Amino acid sequence: MTSRVVAIPLQFSREQAAEYLGISLATLGRLMKNRLIEFVRVSPRRIYFLERHLQAYQERNTQTCVENSTSARSEITGSQSERAQTTGAARFTKKLRAEAGKRDALVSALQTLPKPRGASPTGTHTT
């Protein structure tokens, strides 16, 4: 029997999406109302975002900084021995990827392993 692992895309709740983007829930609500960000509506109350929705929104709203030719470049501060700090979105994504890895492993195990025999629907063992 061959087993196949299916990658499930990361799903974000409203709270997680707002945290990922660094915006408030009210701002996220306005973006949804004005259809400026994509989301999935499973039911009237159940809404979630895929990582690609959030990344697409960020890409559409990223503005590049135009350097003024008359201004001097700013100096780099800090030392080479200092570690660069990860952004909030990067830390958050790393945490969600770890959770998604656990979820993918569980889905794969449930598909691969046989169901236990002699178990009733209520969870008690029958003899």
N, C-alpha and C. Protein backbone atom coordinates (compact mmCIF):
# COMPACT_ATOMS: atom_id res chain seq x y z
N MET A 1 0.85 -1.19 0.00
CA MET A 1 0.00 0.00 0.00
C MET A 1 0.89 1.24 0.00
N THR A 2 0.64 2.11 -0.91
CA THR A 2 1.42 3.35 -0.96
C THR A 2 0.62 4.45 -0.30
N SER A 3 1.33 5.23 0.48
CA SER A 3 0.66 6.35 1.14
C SER A 3 1.12 7.64 0.47
N ARG A 4 0.24 8.57 0.46
CA ARG A 4 0.52 9.84 -0.18
C ARG A 4 0.28 10.96 0.83
N VAL A 5 1.25 11.83 0.97
CA VAL A 5 1.13 12.96 1.88
C VAL A 5 0.61 14.14 1.08
N VAL A 6 -0.46 14.72 1.56
CA VAL A 6 -1.08 15.85 0.88
C VAL A 6 -0.74 17.11 1.67
N ALA A 7 -0.16 18.09 1.00
CA ALA A 7 0.16 19.36 1.65
C ALA A 7 -1.10 20.20 1.75
N ILE A 8 -1.44 20.56 2.95
CA ILE A 8 -2.62 21.40 3.19
C ILE A 8 -2.14 22.83 3.33
N PRO A 9 -2.69 23.77 2.56
CA PRO A 9 -2.23 25.15 2.67
C PRO A 9 -2.53 25.73 4.06
N LEU A 10 -1.66 26.65 4.47
CA LEU A 10 -1.86 27.29 5.76
C LEU A 10 -3.15 28.11 5.74
N GLN A 11 -3.94 27.93 6.78
CA GLN A 11 -5.18 28.69 6.92
C GLN A 11 -5.04 29.62 8.12
N PHE A 12 -5.46 30.85 7.95
CA PHE A 12 -5.37 31.85 9.00
C PHE A 12 -6.77 32.29 9.41
N SER A 13 -7.01 32.38 10.70
CA SER A 13 -8.25 32.97 11.18
C SER A 13 -8.16 34.49 11.01
N ARG A 14 -9.22 35.19 11.30
CA ARG A 14 -9.18 36.66 11.18
C ARG A 14 -8.11 37.24 12.09
N GLU A 15 -8.06 36.73 13.32
CA GLU A 15 -7.08 37.24 14.29
C GLU A 15 -5.65 36.96 13.81
N GLN A 16 -5.42 35.76 13.31
CA GLN A 16 -4.09 35.40 12.82
C GLN A 16 -3.71 36.22 11.60
N ALA A 17 -4.67 36.44 10.70
CA ALA A 17 -4.39 37.23 9.49
C ALA A 17 -4.04 38.66 9.86
N ALA A 18 -4.79 39.24 10.79
CA ALA A 18 -4.51 40.62 11.22
C ALA A 18 -3.12 40.69 11.84
N GLU A 19 -2.78 39.71 12.66
CA GLU A 19 -1.46 39.69 13.29
C GLU A 19 -0.36 39.53 12.23
N TYR A 20 -0.59 38.65 11.28
CA TYR A 20 0.38 38.41 10.20
C TYR A 20 0.65 39.70 9.42
N LEU A 21 -0.41 40.44 9.12
CA LEU A 21 -0.28 41.68 8.35
C LEU A 21 0.13 42.88 9.20
N GLY A 22 0.01 42.73 10.53
CA GLY A 22 0.35 43.84 11.42
C GLY A 22 -0.70 44.93 11.42
N ILE A 23 -1.97 44.53 11.28
CA ILE A 23 -3.08 45.48 11.28
C ILE A 23 -4.11 45.06 12.32
N SER A 24 -5.06 45.94 12.60
CA SER A 24 -6.11 45.62 13.57
C SER A 24 -7.21 44.80 12.90
N LEU A 25 -8.04 44.18 13.72
CA LEU A 25 -9.18 43.43 13.20
C LEU A 25 -10.16 44.36 12.47
N ALA A 26 -10.30 45.58 12.97
CA ALA A 26 -11.20 46.54 12.31
C ALA A 26 -10.69 46.88 10.91
N THR A 27 -9.38 47.07 10.78
CA THR A 27 -8.80 47.36 9.46
C THR A 27 -8.99 46.17 8.53
N LEU A 28 -8.76 44.98 9.05
CA LEU A 28 -8.96 43.77 8.24
C LEU A 28 -10.42 43.68 7.79
N GLY A 29 -11.35 44.00 8.68
CA GLY A 29 -12.77 43.99 8.33
C GLY A 29 -13.09 44.96 7.21
N ARG A 30 -12.47 46.15 7.25
CA ARG A 30 -12.69 47.14 6.18
C ARG A 30 -12.11 46.64 4.86
N LEU A 31 -10.95 45.99 4.92
CA LEU A 31 -10.36 45.44 3.70
C LEU A 31 -11.27 44.38 3.08
N MET A 32 -11.86 43.55 3.94
CA MET A 32 -12.78 42.51 3.46
C MET A 32 -14.04 43.14 2.87
N LYS A 33 -14.59 44.11 3.58
CA LYS A 33 -15.82 44.77 3.13
C LYS A 33 -15.63 45.45 1.78
N ASN A 34 -14.46 46.07 1.60
CA ASN A 34 -14.16 46.77 0.35
C ASN A 34 -13.54 45.85 -0.70
N ARG A 35 -13.49 44.56 -0.39
CA ARG A 35 -12.94 43.53 -1.30
C ARG A 35 -11.52 43.85 -1.76
N LEU A 36 -10.70 44.29 -0.81
CA LEU A 36 -9.31 44.59 -1.10
C LEU A 36 -8.39 43.44 -0.74
N ILE A 37 -8.94 42.42 -0.08
CA ILE A 37 -8.16 41.24 0.29
C ILE A 37 -9.03 40.01 0.06
N GLU A 38 -8.42 38.95 -0.45
CA GLU A 38 -9.18 37.72 -0.70
C GLU A 38 -9.33 36.92 0.58
N PHE A 39 -10.42 36.17 0.67
CA PHE A 39 -10.66 35.28 1.81
C PHE A 39 -11.60 34.18 1.37
N VAL A 40 -11.73 33.17 2.21
CA VAL A 40 -12.62 32.05 1.94
C VAL A 40 -13.74 32.09 2.96
N ARG A 41 -14.98 32.10 2.49
CA ARG A 41 -16.14 32.09 3.39
C ARG A 41 -16.74 30.69 3.33
N VAL A 42 -16.55 29.94 4.41
CA VAL A 42 -17.06 28.58 4.49
C VAL A 42 -18.54 28.60 4.86
N SER A 43 -18.90 29.51 5.73
CA SER A 43 -20.29 29.71 6.13
C SER A 43 -20.44 31.19 6.45
N PRO A 44 -21.65 31.65 6.79
CA PRO A 44 -21.80 33.08 7.07
C PRO A 44 -20.87 33.60 8.17
N ARG A 45 -20.53 32.74 9.12
CA ARG A 45 -19.66 33.18 10.22
C ARG A 45 -18.23 32.68 10.10
N ARG A 46 -18.01 31.62 9.38
CA ARG A 46 -16.68 30.98 9.30
C ARG A 46 -15.93 31.51 8.08
N ILE A 47 -14.88 32.29 8.35
CA ILE A 47 -14.06 32.88 7.30
C ILE A 47 -12.61 32.58 7.63
N TYR A 48 -11.85 32.24 6.60
CA TYR A 48 -10.42 32.10 6.81
C TYR A 48 -9.66 32.61 5.60
N PHE A 49 -8.37 32.82 5.79
CA PHE A 49 -7.48 33.34 4.76
C PHE A 49 -6.42 32.30 4.49
N LEU A 50 -6.02 32.19 3.24
CA LEU A 50 -4.88 31.35 2.89
C LEU A 50 -3.64 32.23 2.86
N GLU A 51 -2.50 31.61 3.05
CA GLU A 51 -1.25 32.37 3.07
C GLU A 51 -1.06 33.13 1.76
N ARG A 52 -1.47 32.51 0.64
CA ARG A 52 -1.30 33.20 -0.64
C ARG A 52 -2.17 34.45 -0.73
N HIS A 53 -3.33 34.47 -0.05
CA HIS A 53 -4.18 35.67 -0.03
C HIS A 53 -3.44 36.82 0.66
N LEU A 54 -2.83 36.51 1.79
CA LEU A 54 -2.14 37.54 2.57
C LEU A 54 -0.89 38.03 1.83
N GLN A 55 -0.16 37.10 1.21
CA GLN A 55 1.03 37.49 0.47
C GLN A 55 0.66 38.33 -0.75
N ALA A 56 -0.43 37.98 -1.44
CA ALA A 56 -0.87 38.77 -2.60
C ALA A 56 -1.25 40.18 -2.17
N TYR A 57 -1.93 40.30 -1.03
CA TYR A 57 -2.30 41.63 -0.52
C TYR A 57 -1.04 42.44 -0.23
N GLN A 58 -0.06 41.80 0.42
CA GLN A 58 1.18 42.50 0.74
C GLN A 58 1.91 42.94 -0.53
N GLU A 59 1.96 42.08 -1.53
CA GLU A 59 2.64 42.42 -2.78
C GLU A 59 1.96 43.59 -3.48
N ARG A 60 0.61 43.59 -3.50
CA ARG A 60 -0.13 44.68 -4.15
C ARG A 60 0.06 46.01 -3.42
N ASN A 61 0.31 45.95 -2.13
CA ASN A 61 0.39 47.17 -1.34
C ASN A 61 1.79 47.51 -0.88
N THR A 62 2.79 46.90 -1.47
CA THR A 62 4.17 47.23 -1.14
C THR A 62 4.60 48.41 -1.99
N GLN A 63 5.12 49.42 -1.33
CA GLN A 63 5.60 50.61 -2.03
C GLN A 63 7.10 50.68 -1.86
N THR A 64 7.79 50.93 -2.95
CA THR A 64 9.23 51.05 -2.87
C THR A 64 9.61 52.47 -2.50
N CYS A 65 10.67 52.56 -1.79
CA CYS A 65 11.16 53.86 -1.35
C CYS A 65 12.06 54.42 -2.44
N VAL A 66 11.77 55.61 -2.88
CA VAL A 66 12.58 56.26 -3.91
C VAL A 66 13.60 57.13 -3.20
N GLU A 67 14.86 56.86 -3.49
CA GLU A 67 15.92 57.61 -2.83
C GLU A 67 16.10 58.95 -3.52
N ASN A 68 16.17 59.98 -2.72
CA ASN A 68 16.40 61.32 -3.23
C ASN A 68 17.88 61.45 -3.58
N SER A 69 18.19 61.86 -4.79
CA SER A 69 19.59 61.93 -5.22
C SER A 69 20.40 62.97 -4.46
N THR A 70 19.75 63.96 -3.85
CA THR A 70 20.49 64.99 -3.12
C THR A 70 20.77 64.59 -1.68
N SER A 71 20.08 63.57 -1.18
CA SER A 71 20.30 63.19 0.22
C SER A 71 21.46 62.20 0.32
N ALA A 72 22.15 62.28 1.40
CA ALA A 72 23.25 61.35 1.65
C ALA A 72 22.68 60.04 2.15
N ARG A 73 23.39 58.98 1.86
CA ARG A 73 22.94 57.67 2.34
C ARG A 73 23.13 57.59 3.85
N SER A 74 22.20 56.93 4.50
CA SER A 74 22.34 56.78 5.95
C SER A 74 23.38 55.72 6.25
N GLU A 75 24.02 55.88 7.37
CA GLU A 75 25.05 54.93 7.75
C GLU A 75 24.41 53.67 8.33
N ILE A 76 25.12 52.58 8.19
CA ILE A 76 24.67 51.33 8.79
C ILE A 76 25.08 51.35 10.24
N THR A 77 24.13 51.09 11.11
CA THR A 77 24.45 51.09 12.52
C THR A 77 24.48 49.66 13.04
N GLY A 78 25.13 49.47 14.16
CA GLY A 78 25.23 48.14 14.74
C GLY A 78 26.53 47.48 14.34
N SER A 79 26.72 46.27 14.81
CA SER A 79 27.94 45.55 14.49
C SER A 79 27.62 44.30 13.70
N GLN A 80 28.65 43.73 13.08
CA GLN A 80 28.45 42.53 12.29
C GLN A 80 28.12 41.34 13.17
N SER A 81 28.52 41.40 14.43
CA SER A 81 28.27 40.26 15.31
C SER A 81 26.81 40.20 15.77
N GLU A 82 26.08 41.30 15.64
CA GLU A 82 24.67 41.30 16.05
C GLU A 82 23.84 40.51 15.05
N ARG A 83 22.93 39.71 15.56
CA ARG A 83 22.02 38.96 14.70
C ARG A 83 20.91 39.87 14.23
N ALA A 84 20.55 39.72 12.99
CA ALA A 84 19.43 40.48 12.46
C ALA A 84 18.14 39.92 13.06
N GLN A 85 17.29 40.78 13.55
CA GLN A 85 16.05 40.31 14.15
C GLN A 85 15.04 39.98 13.06
N THR A 86 14.32 38.88 13.29
CA THR A 86 13.27 38.52 12.34
C THR A 86 12.05 39.38 12.58
N THR A 87 11.33 39.63 11.53
CA THR A 87 10.14 40.45 11.64
C THR A 87 9.02 39.64 12.29
N GLY A 88 7.98 40.32 12.72
CA GLY A 88 6.85 39.64 13.33
C GLY A 88 6.19 38.66 12.39
N ALA A 89 6.05 39.03 11.11
CA ALA A 89 5.42 38.15 10.13
C ALA A 89 6.25 36.89 9.94
N ALA A 90 7.58 37.03 9.93
CA ALA A 90 8.45 35.86 9.74
C ALA A 90 8.34 34.91 10.93
N ARG A 91 8.34 35.45 12.14
CA ARG A 91 8.21 34.60 13.34
C ARG A 91 6.85 33.91 13.33
N PHE A 92 5.82 34.66 12.99
CA PHE A 92 4.46 34.13 12.98
C PHE A 92 4.33 33.02 11.95
N THR A 93 4.89 33.23 10.75
CA THR A 93 4.82 32.24 9.69
C THR A 93 5.57 30.98 10.08
N LYS A 94 6.72 31.14 10.73
CA LYS A 94 7.51 29.98 11.18
C LYS A 94 6.70 29.15 12.17
N LYS A 95 6.01 29.81 13.09
CA LYS A 95 5.18 29.11 14.07
C LYS A 95 4.03 28.37 13.38
N LEU A 96 3.37 29.02 12.43
CA LEU A 96 2.25 28.38 11.72
C LEU A 96 2.72 27.22 10.86
N ARG A 97 3.91 27.34 10.26
CA ARG A 97 4.44 26.24 9.44
C ARG A 97 4.70 25.02 10.32
N ALA A 98 5.20 25.24 11.54
CA ALA A 98 5.44 24.13 12.45
C ALA A 98 4.11 23.45 12.81
N GLU A 99 3.09 24.26 13.06
CA GLU A 99 1.77 23.70 13.36
C GLU A 99 1.21 22.96 12.15
N ALA A 100 1.43 23.50 10.95
CA ALA A 100 0.94 22.85 9.73
C ALA A 100 1.67 21.53 9.50
N GLY A 101 2.95 21.48 9.84
CA GLY A 101 3.70 20.23 9.71
C GLY A 101 3.13 19.15 10.60
N LYS A 102 2.76 19.51 11.81
CA LYS A 102 2.13 18.55 12.73
C LYS A 102 0.78 18.10 12.17
N ARG A 103 0.02 19.04 11.63
CA ARG A 103 -1.29 18.72 11.07
C ARG A 103 -1.15 17.79 9.88
N ASP A 104 -0.17 18.07 9.01
CA ASP A 104 0.06 17.21 7.84
C ASP A 104 0.45 15.80 8.27
N ALA A 105 1.28 15.69 9.32
CA ALA A 105 1.69 14.38 9.81
C ALA A 105 0.48 13.62 10.36
N LEU A 106 -0.40 14.31 11.07
CA LEU A 106 -1.59 13.67 11.62
C LEU A 106 -2.50 13.19 10.50
N VAL A 107 -2.73 14.02 9.49
CA VAL A 107 -3.58 13.63 8.36
C VAL A 107 -3.00 12.41 7.67
N SER A 108 -1.68 12.42 7.46
CA SER A 108 -1.02 11.29 6.81
C SER A 108 -1.16 10.02 7.65
N ALA A 109 -0.99 10.14 8.97
CA ALA A 109 -1.10 8.98 9.85
C ALA A 109 -2.53 8.44 9.85
N LEU A 110 -3.51 9.33 9.87
CA LEU A 110 -4.90 8.88 9.88
C LEU A 110 -5.27 8.17 8.57
N GLN A 111 -4.66 8.60 7.48
CA GLN A 111 -4.94 7.96 6.19
C GLN A 111 -4.20 6.64 6.06
N THR A 112 -3.04 6.52 6.69
CA THR A 112 -2.20 5.35 6.54
C THR A 112 -2.55 4.24 7.53
N LEU A 113 -2.72 4.59 8.78
CA LEU A 113 -2.93 3.59 9.82
C LEU A 113 -4.36 3.06 9.80
N PRO A 114 -4.53 1.76 10.06
CA PRO A 114 -5.89 1.22 10.09
C PRO A 114 -6.63 1.67 11.34
N LYS A 115 -7.95 1.68 11.25
CA LYS A 115 -8.76 2.03 12.40
C LYS A 115 -8.72 0.87 13.39
N PRO A 116 -8.72 1.15 14.69
CA PRO A 116 -8.68 0.07 15.68
C PRO A 116 -9.97 -0.77 15.61
N ARG A 117 -9.80 -2.06 15.79
CA ARG A 117 -10.96 -2.95 15.78
C ARG A 117 -11.59 -3.01 17.16
N GLY A 118 -12.86 -3.27 17.18
CA GLY A 118 -13.56 -3.47 18.45
C GLY A 118 -13.86 -2.19 19.19
N ALA A 119 -13.74 -1.06 18.58
CA ALA A 119 -14.07 0.18 19.25
C ALA A 119 -15.47 0.61 18.83
N SER A 120 -16.25 0.99 19.81
CA SER A 120 -17.60 1.44 19.52
C SER A 120 -17.56 2.92 19.12
N PRO A 121 -18.62 3.45 18.52
CA PRO A 121 -18.65 4.86 18.13
C PRO A 121 -18.47 5.82 19.31
N THR A 122 -18.80 5.36 20.53
CA THR A 122 -18.68 6.22 21.68
C THR A 122 -17.27 6.21 22.26
N GLY A 123 -16.41 5.36 21.74
CA GLY A 123 -15.04 5.34 22.21
C GLY A 123 -14.74 4.27 23.24
N THR A 124 -15.74 3.51 23.67
CA THR A 124 -15.51 2.45 24.63
C THR A 124 -15.21 1.15 23.89
N HIS A 125 -14.41 0.31 24.50
CA HIS A 125 -14.05 -0.96 23.86
C HIS A 125 -15.15 -1.98 24.09
N THR A 126 -15.44 -2.74 23.08
CA THR A 126 -16.43 -3.80 23.19
C THR A 126 -15.69 -5.13 23.28
N THR A 127 -16.26 -6.06 23.99
CA THR A 127 -15.60 -7.37 24.11
C THR A 127 -16.47 -8.46 23.54
